[in-house]
Amino acid sequence: MKLNQGAVVRGGSSLNYKTGDWRDQRPVIDPETCKQCGICQEVCPDDAVRVIDGQYVIDYDFCKGCGICAHECTAAAIEMVPEEK
């Protein structure tokens, strides 16, 4: 895969592809329900799911609000909520 000239890559995400202000919903992970299976991280097309201090979190700088993580979560630990503008 060829990156655009000047693209900076961080953890698989290009800093040139940060989410704008157009996202209308965002995923929220319930740490009490999360089974730490990693499916959400595997299916995220924007590499926006990260593990920090042993917890799965969403990097909203890159999340586009597509809902794939919530749809594929077998524990139903991810809820899509309206984005606060």
C-alpha atoms as a PDB file:
ATOM      1  CA  MET A   1       0.000   0.000   0.000  1.00  0.00           C
ATOM      2  CA  LYS A   2       1.368   3.377  -0.964  1.00  0.00           C
ATOM      3  CA  LEU A   3       0.739   6.306   1.386  1.00  0.00           C
ATOM      4  CA  ASN A   4       0.223   9.859   0.249  1.00  0.00           C
ATOM      5  CA  GLN A   5       3.437  11.786   0.219  1.00  0.00           C
ATOM      6  CA  GLY A   6       3.903  13.454   3.592  1.00  0.00           C
ATOM      7  CA  ALA A   7       1.384  11.225   5.422  1.00  0.00           C
ATOM      8  CA  VAL A   8       2.266  10.548   9.020  1.00  0.00           C
ATOM      9  CA  VAL A   9       1.261   7.123  10.312  1.00  0.00           C
ATOM     10  CA  ARG A  10       0.488   6.506  13.973  1.00  0.00           C
ATOM     11  CA  GLY A  11      -0.628   3.032  15.019  1.00  0.00           C
ATOM     12  CA  GLY A  12      -1.898   2.305  11.526  1.00  0.00           C
ATOM     13  CA  SER A  13      -3.885   5.548  11.262  1.00  0.00           C
ATOM     14  CA  SER A  14      -2.787   8.386   9.062  1.00  0.00           C
ATOM     15  CA  LEU A  15      -2.843  11.725  10.815  1.00  0.00           C
ATOM     16  CA  ASN A  16      -4.157  13.124   7.515  1.00  0.00           C
ATOM     17  CA  TYR A  17      -7.441  11.249   8.027  1.00  0.00           C
ATOM     18  CA  LYS A  18      -8.696  12.639  11.316  1.00  0.00           C
ATOM     19  CA  THR A  19     -12.451  12.832  11.710  1.00  0.00           C
ATOM     20  CA  GLY A  20     -13.993  16.183  10.952  1.00  0.00           C
ATOM     21  CA  ASP A  21     -17.032  17.657  12.671  1.00  0.00           C
ATOM     22  CA  TRP A  22     -19.446  15.653  10.497  1.00  0.00           C
ATOM     23  CA  ARG A  23     -19.753  12.538  12.735  1.00  0.00           C
ATOM     24  CA  ASP A  24     -23.343  12.307  14.041  1.00  0.00           C
ATOM     25  CA  GLN A  25     -22.909   9.345  16.391  1.00  0.00           C
ATOM     26  CA  ARG A  26     -20.067   7.843  18.374  1.00  0.00           C
ATOM     27  CA  PRO A  27     -19.419   4.504  20.076  1.00  0.00           C
ATOM     28  CA  VAL A  28     -19.103   4.301  23.845  1.00  0.00           C
ATOM     29  CA  ILE A  29     -17.593   1.203  25.434  1.00  0.00           C
ATOM     30  CA  ASP A  30     -18.977  -0.006  28.774  1.00  0.00           C
ATOM     31  CA  PRO A  31     -15.872  -1.305  30.596  1.00  0.00           C
ATOM     32  CA  GLU A  32     -18.032  -3.386  32.964  1.00  0.00           C
ATOM     33  CA  THR A  33     -19.611  -5.305  30.051  1.00  0.00           C
ATOM     34  CA  CYS A  34     -16.537  -5.496  27.807  1.00  0.00           C
ATOM     35  CA  LYS A  35     -15.033  -9.001  27.660  1.00  0.00           C
ATOM     36  CA  GLN A  36     -11.681  -7.755  26.296  1.00  0.00           C
ATOM     37  CA  CYS A  37     -12.041 -10.006  23.222  1.00  0.00           C
ATOM     38  CA  GLY A  38     -10.592  -7.444  20.788  1.00  0.00           C
ATOM     39  CA  ILE A  39     -13.173  -7.937  18.043  1.00  0.00           C
ATOM     40  CA  CYS A  40     -13.952  -4.202  18.010  1.00  0.00           C
ATOM     41  CA  GLN A  41     -10.282  -3.419  17.433  1.00  0.00           C
ATOM     42  CA  GLU A  42     -10.022  -5.967  14.628  1.00  0.00           C
ATOM     43  CA  VAL A  43     -13.072  -4.740  12.712  1.00  0.00           C
ATOM     44  CA  CYS A  44     -12.533  -0.981  13.020  1.00  0.00           C
ATOM     45  CA  PRO A  45     -11.730   0.298   9.506  1.00  0.00           C
ATOM     46  CA  ASP A  46     -10.063   3.426  10.902  1.00  0.00           C
ATOM     47  CA  ASP A  47      -7.888   1.822  13.605  1.00  0.00           C
ATOM     48  CA  ALA A  48      -9.723   3.962  16.167  1.00  0.00           C
ATOM     49  CA  VAL A  49      -9.971   1.316  18.906  1.00  0.00           C
ATOM     50  CA  ARG A  50      -6.982   1.253  21.236  1.00  0.00           C
ATOM     51  CA  VAL A  51      -5.981  -0.541  24.432  1.00  0.00           C
ATOM     52  CA  ILE A  52      -4.897   1.864  27.162  1.00  0.00           C
ATOM     53  CA  ASP A  53      -4.094   0.625  30.662  1.00  0.00           C
ATOM     54  CA  GLY A  54      -5.701  -2.719  29.802  1.00  0.00           C
ATOM     55  CA  GLN A  55      -9.009  -1.151  28.703  1.00  0.00           C
ATOM     56  CA  TYR A  56     -10.403  -0.819  25.194  1.00  0.00           C
ATOM     57  CA  VAL A  57     -11.056   2.832  24.335  1.00  0.00           C
ATOM     58  CA  ILE A  58     -12.114   4.747  21.229  1.00  0.00           C
ATOM     59  CA  ASP A  59      -9.772   7.314  19.715  1.00  0.00           C
ATOM     60  CA  TYR A  60     -12.373   9.861  18.633  1.00  0.00           C
ATOM     61  CA  ASP A  61      -9.757  11.717  16.584  1.00  0.00           C
ATOM     62  CA  PHE A  62     -10.069   8.886  14.037  1.00  0.00           C
ATOM     63  CA  CYS A  63     -13.497   7.328  14.710  1.00  0.00           C
ATOM     64  CA  LYS A  64     -15.953   8.041  11.890  1.00  0.00           C
ATOM     65  CA  GLY A  65     -19.011   6.800  13.797  1.00  0.00           C
ATOM     66  CA  CYS A  66     -19.737   3.957  11.389  1.00  0.00           C
ATOM     67  CA  GLY A  67     -20.952   1.628  14.153  1.00  0.00           C
ATOM     68  CA  ILE A  68     -19.175  -1.504  12.929  1.00  0.00           C
ATOM     69  CA  CYS A  69     -17.564  -1.998  16.347  1.00  0.00           C
ATOM     70  CA  ALA A  70     -20.945  -1.836  18.107  1.00  0.00           C
ATOM     71  CA  HIS A  71     -22.565  -4.159  15.578  1.00  0.00           C
ATOM     72  CA  GLU A  72     -19.833  -6.790  15.868  1.00  0.00           C
ATOM     73  CA  CYS A  73     -19.414  -6.658  19.670  1.00  0.00           C
ATOM     74  CA  THR A  74     -20.568 -10.067  20.930  1.00  0.00           C
ATOM     75  CA  ALA A  75     -20.884  -8.747  24.503  1.00  0.00           C
ATOM     76  CA  ALA A  76     -23.084  -5.773  23.476  1.00  0.00           C
ATOM     77  CA  ALA A  77     -20.610  -3.585  25.359  1.00  0.00           C
ATOM     78  CA  ILE A  78     -20.564  -0.789  22.770  1.00  0.00           C
ATOM     79  CA  GLU A  79     -23.438   1.636  22.397  1.00  0.00           C
ATOM     80  CA  MET A  80     -23.774   4.184  19.627  1.00  0.00           C
ATOM     81  CA  VAL A  81     -24.845   7.527  21.082  1.00  0.00           C
ATOM     82  CA  PRO A  82     -25.630  10.852  19.397  1.00  0.00           C
ATOM     83  CA  GLU A  83     -22.584  13.053  18.964  1.00  0.00           C
ATOM     84  CA  GLU A  84     -22.607  16.161  21.112  1.00  0.00           C
ATOM     85  CA  LYS A  85     -22.098  19.195  18.893  1.00  0.00           C
END
